[in-house]
């Protein structure tokens, strides 16, 4: 029941807004980075299923995203040591 109501709302929203929308590479990036809401995600996935060119562009962006270097949230041991070494020497003013 609940899923049917959600599906009905999704269909209504996609018919009024998303079906008229041409998705851009920026929209696809938002999907890749999970910056879309539930309705946008459903609509974009539906469009990807129906549009081969859009799906090819999405696959290309996903592949590029996988090859990006992953963010590091901790400095390397060398960086920490360099900071500690630098802190031991007073700077000239």
PDB file of N, CA and C in Angstrom:
ATOM      1  N   UNK A   1       0.806  -1.195   0.000  1.00  0.00           N
ATOM      2  CA  UNK A   1       0.000   0.000   0.000  1.00  0.00           C
ATOM      3  C   UNK A   1       0.854   1.267   0.000  1.00  0.00           C
ATOM      4  N   UNK A   2       1.764   1.345   0.979  1.00  0.00           N
ATOM      5  CA  UNK A   2       2.606   2.535   1.110  1.00  0.00           C
ATOM      6  C   UNK A   2       3.452   2.723  -0.141  1.00  0.00           C
ATOM      7  N   UNK A   3       4.021   1.616  -0.641  1.00  0.00           N
ATOM      8  CA  UNK A   3       4.869   1.701  -1.834  1.00  0.00           C
ATOM      9  C   UNK A   3       4.036   2.129  -3.036  1.00  0.00           C
ATOM     10  N   UNK A   4       2.812   1.658  -3.131  1.00  0.00           N
ATOM     11  CA  UNK A   4       1.942   2.066  -4.237  1.00  0.00           C
ATOM     12  C   UNK A   4       1.672   3.564  -4.206  1.00  0.00           C
ATOM     13  N   UNK A   5       1.453   4.124  -3.020  1.00  0.00           N
ATOM     14  CA  UNK A   5       1.217   5.572  -2.908  1.00  0.00           C
ATOM     15  C   UNK A   5       2.460   6.358  -3.320  1.00  0.00           C
ATOM     16  N   UNK A   6       3.613   5.876  -2.892  1.00  0.00           N
ATOM     17  CA  UNK A   6       4.863   6.545  -3.281  1.00  0.00           C
ATOM     18  C   UNK A   6       5.033   6.477  -4.791  1.00  0.00           C
ATOM     19  N   UNK A   7       4.767   5.314  -5.360  1.00  0.00           N
ATOM     20  CA  UNK A   7       4.901   5.148  -6.806  1.00  0.00           C
ATOM     21  C   UNK A   7       3.937   6.078  -7.548  1.00  0.00           C
ATOM     22  N   UNK A   8       2.715   6.202  -7.070  1.00  0.00           N
ATOM     23  CA  UNK A   8       1.739   7.100  -7.694  1.00  0.00           C
ATOM     24  C   UNK A   8       2.208   8.549  -7.633  1.00  0.00           C
ATOM     25  N   UNK A   9       2.760   8.959  -6.492  1.00  0.00           N
ATOM     26  CA  UNK A   9       3.279  10.325  -6.364  1.00  0.00           C
ATOM     27  C   UNK A   9       4.459  10.534  -7.305  1.00  0.00           C
ATOM     28  N   UNK A  10       5.314   9.515  -7.414  1.00  0.00           N
ATOM     29  CA  UNK A  10       6.462   9.595  -8.315  1.00  0.00           C
ATOM     30  C   UNK A  10       5.993   9.793  -9.751  1.00  0.00           C
ATOM     31  N   UNK A  11       5.019   9.006 -10.168  1.00  0.00           N
ATOM     32  CA  UNK A  11       4.516   9.118 -11.537  1.00  0.00           C
ATOM     33  C   UNK A  11       3.937  10.510 -11.780  1.00  0.00           C
ATOM     34  N   UNK A  12       3.175  11.019 -10.836  1.00  0.00           N
ATOM     35  CA  UNK A  12       2.593  12.356 -10.986  1.00  0.00           C
ATOM     36  C   UNK A  12       3.680  13.416 -11.105  1.00  0.00           C
ATOM     37  N   UNK A  13       4.702  13.324 -10.269  1.00  0.00           N
ATOM     38  CA  UNK A  13       5.786  14.308 -10.320  1.00  0.00           C
ATOM     39  C   UNK A  13       6.582  14.196 -11.604  1.00  0.00           C
ATOM     40  N   UNK A  14       6.867  12.974 -12.039  1.00  0.00           N
ATOM     41  CA  UNK A  14       7.657  12.818 -13.258  1.00  0.00           C
ATOM     42  C   UNK A  14       6.893  13.315 -14.468  1.00  0.00           C
ATOM     43  N   UNK A  15       5.587  13.142 -14.475  1.00  0.00           N
ATOM     44  CA  UNK A  15       4.800  13.619 -15.607  1.00  0.00           C
ATOM     45  C   UNK A  15       4.744  15.138 -15.646  1.00  0.00           C
ATOM     46  N   UNK A  16       4.756  15.779 -14.507  1.00  0.00           N
ATOM     47  CA  UNK A  16       4.632  17.235 -14.498  1.00  0.00           C
ATOM     48  C   UNK A  16       5.959  17.962 -14.661  1.00  0.00           C
ATOM     49  N   UNK A  17       7.049  17.375 -14.178  1.00  0.00           N
ATOM     50  CA  UNK A  17       8.311  18.130 -14.216  1.00  0.00           C
ATOM     51  C   UNK A  17       9.436  17.361 -14.879  1.00  0.00           C
ATOM     52  N   UNK A  18       9.724  16.169 -14.399  1.00  0.00           N
ATOM     53  CA  UNK A  18      10.928  15.481 -14.843  1.00  0.00           C
ATOM     54  C   UNK A  18      10.859  14.998 -16.279  1.00  0.00           C
ATOM     55  N   UNK A  19       9.720  14.643 -16.776  1.00  0.00           N
ATOM     56  CA  UNK A  19       9.650  14.172 -18.153  1.00  0.00           C
ATOM     57  C   UNK A  19       9.925  15.313 -19.134  1.00  0.00           C
ATOM     58  N   UNK A  20       9.736  16.533 -18.686  1.00  0.00           N
ATOM     59  CA  UNK A  20      10.010  17.680 -19.537  1.00  0.00           C
ATOM     60  C   UNK A  20      11.474  18.102 -19.444  1.00  0.00           C
ATOM     61  N   UNK A  21      12.185  17.551 -18.509  1.00  0.00           N
ATOM     62  CA  UNK A  21      13.552  17.976 -18.229  1.00  0.00           C
ATOM     63  C   UNK A  21      14.542  17.218 -19.103  1.00  0.00           C
ATOM     64  N   UNK A  22      15.495  17.930 -19.650  1.00  0.00           N
ATOM     65  CA  UNK A  22      16.643  17.307 -20.296  1.00  0.00           C
ATOM     66  C   UNK A  22      17.754  17.289 -19.267  1.00  0.00           C
ATOM     67  N   UNK A  23      18.187  16.108 -18.899  1.00  0.00           N
ATOM     68  CA  UNK A  23      19.201  16.005 -17.862  1.00  0.00           C
ATOM     69  C   UNK A  23      20.559  16.398 -18.419  1.00  0.00           C
ATOM     70  N   UNK A  24      21.280  17.183 -17.653  1.00  0.00           N
ATOM     71  CA  UNK A  24      22.593  17.682 -18.043  1.00  0.00           C
ATOM     72  C   UNK A  24      23.675  16.837 -17.391  1.00  0.00           C
ATOM     73  N   UNK A  25      24.929  16.989 -17.842  1.00  0.00           N
ATOM     74  CA  UNK A  25      26.028  16.299 -17.153  1.00  0.00           C
ATOM     75  C   UNK A  25      26.098  16.671 -15.672  1.00  0.00           C
ATOM     76  N   UNK A  26      25.730  17.906 -15.348  1.00  0.00           N
ATOM     77  CA  UNK A  26      25.734  18.326 -13.945  1.00  0.00           C
ATOM     78  C   UNK A  26      24.695  17.540 -13.144  1.00  0.00           C
ATOM     79  N   UNK A  27      23.538  17.278 -13.754  1.00  0.00           N
ATOM     80  CA  UNK A  27      22.515  16.462 -13.098  1.00  0.00           C
ATOM     81  C   UNK A  27      23.037  15.050 -12.854  1.00  0.00           C
ATOM     82  N   UNK A  28      23.734  14.513 -13.850  1.00  0.00           N
ATOM     83  CA  UNK A  28      24.283  13.163 -13.710  1.00  0.00           C
ATOM     84  C   UNK A  28      25.336  13.118 -12.605  1.00  0.00           C
ATOM     85  N   UNK A  29      26.139  14.169 -12.509  1.00  0.00           N
ATOM     86  CA  UNK A  29      27.134  14.222 -11.432  1.00  0.00           C
ATOM     87  C   UNK A  29      26.467  14.274 -10.067  1.00  0.00           C
ATOM     88  N   UNK A  30      25.372  15.008  -9.974  1.00  0.00           N
ATOM     89  CA  UNK A  30      24.632  15.041  -8.703  1.00  0.00           C
ATOM     90  C   UNK A  30      24.135  13.648  -8.343  1.00  0.00           C
ATOM     91  N   UNK A  31      23.711  12.893  -9.336  1.00  0.00           N
ATOM     92  CA  UNK A  31      23.270  11.518  -9.089  1.00  0.00           C
ATOM     93  C   UNK A  31      24.444  10.661  -8.627  1.00  0.00           C
ATOM     94  N   UNK A  32      25.582  10.805  -9.273  1.00  0.00           N
ATOM     95  CA  UNK A  32      26.769  10.024  -8.904  1.00  0.00           C
ATOM     96  C   UNK A  32      27.203  10.334  -7.480  1.00  0.00           C
ATOM     97  N   UNK A  33      27.172  11.605  -7.110  1.00  0.00           N
ATOM     98  CA  UNK A  33      27.598  12.013  -5.770  1.00  0.00           C
ATOM     99  C   UNK A  33      26.465  11.946  -4.741  1.00  0.00           C
ATOM    100  N   UNK A  34      25.326  11.389  -5.154  1.00  0.00           N
ATOM    101  CA  UNK A  34      24.164  11.200  -4.273  1.00  0.00           C
ATOM    102  C   UNK A  34      23.672  12.523  -3.677  1.00  0.00           C
ATOM    103  N   UNK A  35      23.593  13.517  -4.540  1.00  0.00           N
ATOM    104  CA  UNK A  35      23.115  14.836  -4.132  1.00  0.00           C
ATOM    105  C   UNK A  35      21.707  15.108  -4.661  1.00  0.00           C
ATOM    106  N   UNK A  36      21.005  14.050  -5.049  1.00  0.00           N
ATOM    107  CA  UNK A  36      19.640  14.188  -5.535  1.00  0.00           C
ATOM    108  C   UNK A  36      18.675  13.669  -4.480  1.00  0.00           C
ATOM    109  N   UNK A  37      17.461  14.212  -4.501  1.00  0.00           N
ATOM    110  CA  UNK A  37      16.453  13.686  -3.579  1.00  0.00           C
ATOM    111  C   UNK A  37      15.858  12.410  -4.173  1.00  0.00           C
ATOM    112  N   UNK A  38      14.958  11.769  -3.443  1.00  0.00           N
ATOM    113  CA  UNK A  38      14.412  10.474  -3.866  1.00  0.00           C
ATOM    114  C   UNK A  38      13.671  10.568  -5.197  1.00  0.00           C
ATOM    115  N   UNK A  39      12.890  11.610  -5.370  1.00  0.00           N
ATOM    116  CA  UNK A  39      12.120  11.757  -6.608  1.00  0.00           C
ATOM    117  C   UNK A  39      13.051  11.994  -7.790  1.00  0.00           C
ATOM    118  N   UNK A  40      14.047  12.845  -7.606  1.00  0.00           N
ATOM    119  CA  UNK A  40      15.012  13.095  -8.679  1.00  0.00           C
ATOM    120  C   UNK A  40      15.760  11.816  -9.041  1.00  0.00           C
ATOM    121  N   UNK A  41      16.160  11.059  -8.029  1.00  0.00           N
ATOM    122  CA  UNK A  41      16.887   9.813  -8.272  1.00  0.00           C
ATOM    123  C   UNK A  41      16.034   8.838  -9.070  1.00  0.00           C
ATOM    124  N   UNK A  42      14.777   8.674  -8.679  1.00  0.00           N
ATOM    125  CA  UNK A  42      13.883   7.771  -9.411  1.00  0.00           C
ATOM    126  C   UNK A  42      13.684   8.235 -10.848  1.00  0.00           C
ATOM    127  N   UNK A  43      13.479   9.523 -11.030  1.00  0.00           N
ATOM    128  CA  UNK A  43      13.260  10.061 -12.370  1.00  0.00           C
ATOM    129  C   UNK A  43      14.499   9.898 -13.237  1.00  0.00           C
ATOM    130  N   UNK A  44      15.656  10.165 -12.669  1.00  0.00           N
ATOM    131  CA  UNK A  44      16.884  10.046 -13.449  1.00  0.00           C
ATOM    132  C   UNK A  44      17.172   8.589 -13.787  1.00  0.00           C
ATOM    133  N   UNK A  45      16.945   7.683 -12.848  1.00  0.00           N
ATOM    134  CA  UNK A  45      17.147   6.261 -13.134  1.00  0.00           C
ATOM    135  C   UNK A  45      16.188   5.789 -14.217  1.00  0.00           C
ATOM    136  N   UNK A  46      14.966   6.290 -14.183  1.00  0.00           N
ATOM    137  CA  UNK A  46      13.989   5.958 -15.214  1.00  0.00           C
ATOM    138  C   UNK A  46      14.461   6.473 -16.572  1.00  0.00           C
ATOM    139  N   UNK A  47      14.953   7.697 -16.603  1.00  0.00           N
ATOM    140  CA  UNK A  47      15.456   8.277 -17.849  1.00  0.00           C
ATOM    141  C   UNK A  47      16.674   7.510 -18.351  1.00  0.00           C
ATOM    142  N   UNK A  48      17.539   7.073 -17.444  1.00  0.00           N
ATOM    143  CA  UNK A  48      18.716   6.302 -17.836  1.00  0.00           C
ATOM    144  C   UNK A  48      18.317   4.965 -18.459  1.00  0.00           C
ATOM    145  N   UNK A  49      17.239   4.371 -17.953  1.00  0.00           N
ATOM    146  CA  UNK A  49      16.754   3.106 -18.517  1.00  0.00           C
ATOM    147  C   UNK A  49      16.201   3.283 -19.925  1.00  0.00           C
ATOM    148  N   UNK A  50      15.663   4.460 -20.216  1.00  0.00           N
ATOM    149  CA  UNK A  50      14.991   4.695 -21.496  1.00  0.00           C
ATOM    150  C   UNK A  50      15.870   5.361 -22.548  1.00  0.00           C
ATOM    151  N   UNK A  51      16.910   6.065 -22.141  1.00  0.00           N
ATOM    152  CA  UNK A  51      17.718   6.866 -23.066  1.00  0.00           C
ATOM    153  C   UNK A  51      19.141   6.307 -23.121  1.00  0.00           C
ATOM    154  N   UNK A  52      19.473   5.670 -24.240  1.00  0.00           N
ATOM    155  CA  UNK A  52      20.794   5.044 -24.374  1.00  0.00           C
ATOM    156  C   UNK A  52      21.926   6.066 -24.358  1.00  0.00           C
ATOM    157  N   UNK A  53      21.706   7.218 -24.972  1.00  0.00           N
ATOM    158  CA  UNK A  53      22.750   8.247 -24.984  1.00  0.00           C
ATOM    159  C   UNK A  53      22.997   8.781 -23.579  1.00  0.00           C
ATOM    160  N   UNK A  54      21.937   8.995 -22.834  1.00  0.00           N
ATOM    161  CA  UNK A  54      22.069   9.463 -21.457  1.00  0.00           C
ATOM    162  C   UNK A  54      22.780   8.410 -20.616  1.00  0.00           C
ATOM    163  N   UNK A  55      22.430   7.143 -20.820  1.00  0.00           N
ATOM    164  CA  UNK A  55      23.067   6.053 -20.077  1.00  0.00           C
ATOM    165  C   UNK A  55      24.551   5.958 -20.413  1.00  0.00           C
ATOM    166  N   UNK A  56      24.899   6.168 -21.683  1.00  0.00           N
ATOM    167  CA  UNK A  56      26.306   6.128 -22.082  1.00  0.00           C
ATOM    168  C   UNK A  56      27.080   7.274 -21.435  1.00  0.00           C
ATOM    169  N   UNK A  57      26.479   8.457 -21.401  1.00  0.00           N
ATOM    170  CA  UNK A  57      27.130   9.602 -20.753  1.00  0.00           C
ATOM    171  C   UNK A  57      27.299   9.342 -19.264  1.00  0.00           C
ATOM    172  N   UNK A  58      26.279   8.763 -18.642  1.00  0.00           N
ATOM    173  CA  UNK A  58      26.347   8.431 -17.213  1.00  0.00           C
ATOM    174  C   UNK A  58      27.463   7.418 -16.953  1.00  0.00           C
ATOM    175  N   UNK A  59      27.532   6.376 -17.774  1.00  0.00           N
ATOM    176  CA  UNK A  59      28.578   5.361 -17.604  1.00  0.00           C
ATOM    177  C   UNK A  59      29.971   5.966 -17.742  1.00  0.00           C
ATOM    178  N   UNK A  60      30.117   6.895 -18.679  1.00  0.00           N
ATOM    179  CA  UNK A  60      31.405   7.569 -18.871  1.00  0.00           C
ATOM    180  C   UNK A  60      31.779   8.397 -17.640  1.00  0.00           C
ATOM    181  N   UNK A  61      30.812   9.096 -17.077  1.00  0.00           N
ATOM    182  CA  UNK A  61      31.070   9.893 -15.870  1.00  0.00           C
ATOM    183  C   UNK A  61      31.371   9.003 -14.668  1.00  0.00           C
ATOM    184  N   UNK A  62      30.674   7.876 -14.550  1.00  0.00           N
ATOM    185  CA  UNK A  62      30.938   6.941 -13.448  1.00  0.00           C
ATOM    186  C   UNK A  62      32.357   6.393 -13.561  1.00  0.00           C
ATOM    187  N   UNK A  63      32.767   6.040 -14.770  1.00  0.00           N
ATOM    188  CA  UNK A  63      34.126   5.539 -14.985  1.00  0.00           C
ATOM    189  C   UNK A  63      35.154   6.604 -14.619  1.00  0.00           C
ATOM    190  N   UNK A  64      34.927   7.836 -15.044  1.00  0.00           N
ATOM    191  CA  UNK A  64      35.848   8.927 -14.705  1.00  0.00           C
ATOM    192  C   UNK A  64      35.886   9.142 -13.196  1.00  0.00           C
ATOM    193  N   UNK A  65      34.741   9.075 -12.550  1.00  0.00           N
ATOM    194  CA  UNK A  65      34.664   9.261 -11.094  1.00  0.00           C
ATOM    195  C   UNK A  65      35.474   8.195 -10.363  1.00  0.00           C
ATOM    196  N   UNK A  66      35.411   6.973 -10.856  1.00  0.00           N
ATOM    197  CA  UNK A  66      36.164   5.881 -10.220  1.00  0.00           C
ATOM    198  C   UNK A  66      37.670   6.084 -10.322  1.00  0.00           C
ATOM    199  N   UNK A  67      38.107   6.788 -11.365  1.00  0.00           N
ATOM    200  CA  UNK A  67      39.539   7.001 -11.561  1.00  0.00           C
ATOM    201  C   UNK A  67      40.075   8.230 -10.834  1.00  0.00           C
ATOM    202  N   UNK A  68      39.189   9.026 -10.254  1.00  0.00           N
ATOM    203  CA  UNK A  68      39.650  10.187  -9.491  1.00  0.00           C
ATOM    204  C   UNK A  68      40.361   9.721  -8.229  1.00  0.00           C
ATOM    205  N   UNK A  69      41.402  10.439  -7.822  1.00  0.00           N
ATOM    206  CA  UNK A  69      42.058  10.054  -6.565  1.00  0.00           C
ATOM    207  C   UNK A  69      41.094  10.236  -5.400  1.00  0.00           C
ATOM    208  N   UNK A  70      41.151   9.321  -4.492  1.00  0.00           N
ATOM    209  CA  UNK A  70      40.275   9.392  -3.321  1.00  0.00           C
ATOM    210  C   UNK A  70      40.818  10.426  -2.340  1.00  0.00           C
ATOM    211  N   UNK A  71      39.925  11.151  -1.719  1.00  0.00           N
ATOM    212  CA  UNK A  71      40.311  12.174  -0.744  1.00  0.00           C
ATOM    213  C   UNK A  71      40.915  11.511   0.483  1.00  0.00           C
ATOM    214  N   UNK A  72      41.981  12.123   0.969  1.00  0.00           N
ATOM    215  CA  UNK A  72      42.601  11.631   2.194  1.00  0.00           C
ATOM    216  C   UNK A  72      42.241  12.584   3.323  1.00  0.00           C
ATOM    217  N   UNK A  73      41.806  12.029   4.420  1.00  0.00           N
ATOM    218  CA  UNK A  73      41.410  12.856   5.543  1.00  0.00           C
ATOM    219  C   UNK A  73      42.438  12.829   6.660  1.00  0.00           C
ATOM    220  N   UNK A  74      43.531  12.150   6.421  1.00  0.00           N
ATOM    221  CA  UNK A  74      44.632  12.137   7.383  1.00  0.00           C
ATOM    222  C   UNK A  74      45.919  12.470   6.632  1.00  0.00           C
ATOM    223  N   UNK A  75      46.758  13.291   7.227  1.00  0.00           N
ATOM    224  CA  UNK A  75      48.037  13.569   6.570  1.00  0.00           C
ATOM    225  C   UNK A  75      48.932  12.333   6.629  1.00  0.00           C
ATOM    226  N   UNK A  76      49.847  12.256   5.687  1.00  0.00           N
ATOM    227  CA  UNK A  76      50.794  11.143   5.702  1.00  0.00           C
ATOM    228  C   UNK A  76      51.768  11.318   6.863  1.00  0.00           C
ATOM    229  N   UNK A  77      52.464  10.251   7.200  1.00  0.00           N
ATOM    230  CA  UNK A  77      53.454  10.299   8.280  1.00  0.00           C
ATOM    231  C   UNK A  77      54.554  11.309   7.955  1.00  0.00           C
ATOM    232  N   UNK A  78      54.935  11.392   6.689  1.00  0.00           N
ATOM    233  CA  UNK A  78      55.964  12.345   6.271  1.00  0.00           C
ATOM    234  C   UNK A  78      55.502  13.780   6.504  1.00  0.00           C
ATOM    235  N   UNK A  79      54.266  14.081   6.195  1.00  0.00           N
ATOM    236  CA  UNK A  79      53.733  15.427   6.407  1.00  0.00           C
ATOM    237  C   UNK A  79      53.747  15.787   7.884  1.00  0.00           C
ATOM    238  N   UNK A  80      53.316  14.873   8.720  1.00  0.00           N
ATOM    239  CA  UNK A  80      53.325  15.123  10.167  1.00  0.00           C
ATOM    240  C   UNK A  80      54.741  15.366  10.656  1.00  0.00           C
ATOM    241  N   UNK A  81      55.682  14.559  10.194  1.00  0.00           N
ATOM    242  CA  UNK A  81      57.074  14.723  10.617  1.00  0.00           C
ATOM    243  C   UNK A  81      57.636  16.060  10.153  1.00  0.00           C
ATOM    244  N   UNK A  82      57.317  16.465   8.938  1.00  0.00           N
ATOM    245  CA  UNK A  82      57.777  17.766   8.438  1.00  0.00           C
ATOM    246  C   UNK A  82      57.242  18.910   9.299  1.00  0.00           C
ATOM    247  N   UNK A  83      55.998  18.838   9.712  1.00  0.00           N
ATOM    248  CA  UNK A  83      55.414  19.873  10.570  1.00  0.00           C
ATOM    249  C   UNK A  83      56.108  19.894  11.923  1.00  0.00           C
ATOM    250  N   UNK A  84      56.338  18.720  12.483  1.00  0.00           N
ATOM    251  CA  UNK A  84      57.022  18.652  13.780  1.00  0.00           C
ATOM    252  C   UNK A  84      58.445  19.187  13.688  1.00  0.00           C
ATOM    253  N   UNK A  85      59.155  18.824  12.616  1.00  0.00           N
ATOM    254  CA  UNK A  85      60.518  19.329  12.428  1.00  0.00           C
ATOM    255  C   UNK A  85      60.518  20.847  12.275  1.00  0.00           C
ATOM    256  N   UNK A  86      59.569  21.366  11.513  1.00  0.00           N
ATOM    257  CA  UNK A  86      59.478  22.805  11.301  1.00  0.00           C
ATOM    258  C   UNK A  86      59.181  23.529  12.612  1.00  0.00           C
ATOM    259  N   UNK A  87      58.358  22.932  13.445  1.00  0.00           N
ATOM    260  CA  UNK A  87      57.979  23.588  14.703  1.00  0.00           C
ATOM    261  C   UNK A  87      59.142  23.679  15.690  1.00  0.00           C
ATOM    262  N   UNK A  88      60.166  22.888  15.490  1.00  0.00           N
ATOM    263  CA  UNK A  88      61.330  22.906  16.387  1.00  0.00           C
ATOM    264  C   UNK A  88      62.258  24.076  16.096  1.00  0.00           C
ATOM    265  N   UNK A  89      62.136  24.644  14.910  1.00  0.00           N
ATOM    266  CA  UNK A  89      63.026  25.737  14.514  1.00  0.00           C
ATOM    267  C   UNK A  89      62.270  27.056  14.536  1.00  0.00           C
ATOM    268  N   UNK A  90      62.747  28.021  15.318  1.00  0.00           N
ATOM    269  CA  UNK A  90      62.081  29.332  15.326  1.00  0.00           C
ATOM    270  C   UNK A  90      62.255  30.010  13.965  1.00  0.00           C
ATOM    271  N   UNK A  91      61.238  30.686  13.546  1.00  0.00           N
ATOM    272  CA  UNK A  91      61.321  31.382  12.260  1.00  0.00           C
ATOM    273  C   UNK A  91      62.007  32.722  12.451  1.00  0.00           C
ATOM    274  N   UNK A  92      62.656  33.178  11.400  1.00  0.00           N
ATOM    275  CA  UNK A  92      63.315  34.484  11.437  1.00  0.00           C
ATOM    276  C   UNK A  92      62.289  35.546  11.089  1.00  0.00           C
ATOM    277  N   UNK A  93      62.233  36.576  11.892  1.00  0.00           N
ATOM    278  CA  UNK A  93      61.275  37.650  11.643  1.00  0.00           C
ATOM    279  C   UNK A  93      62.019  38.889  11.241  1.00  0.00           C
TER     280      UNK A  93
END
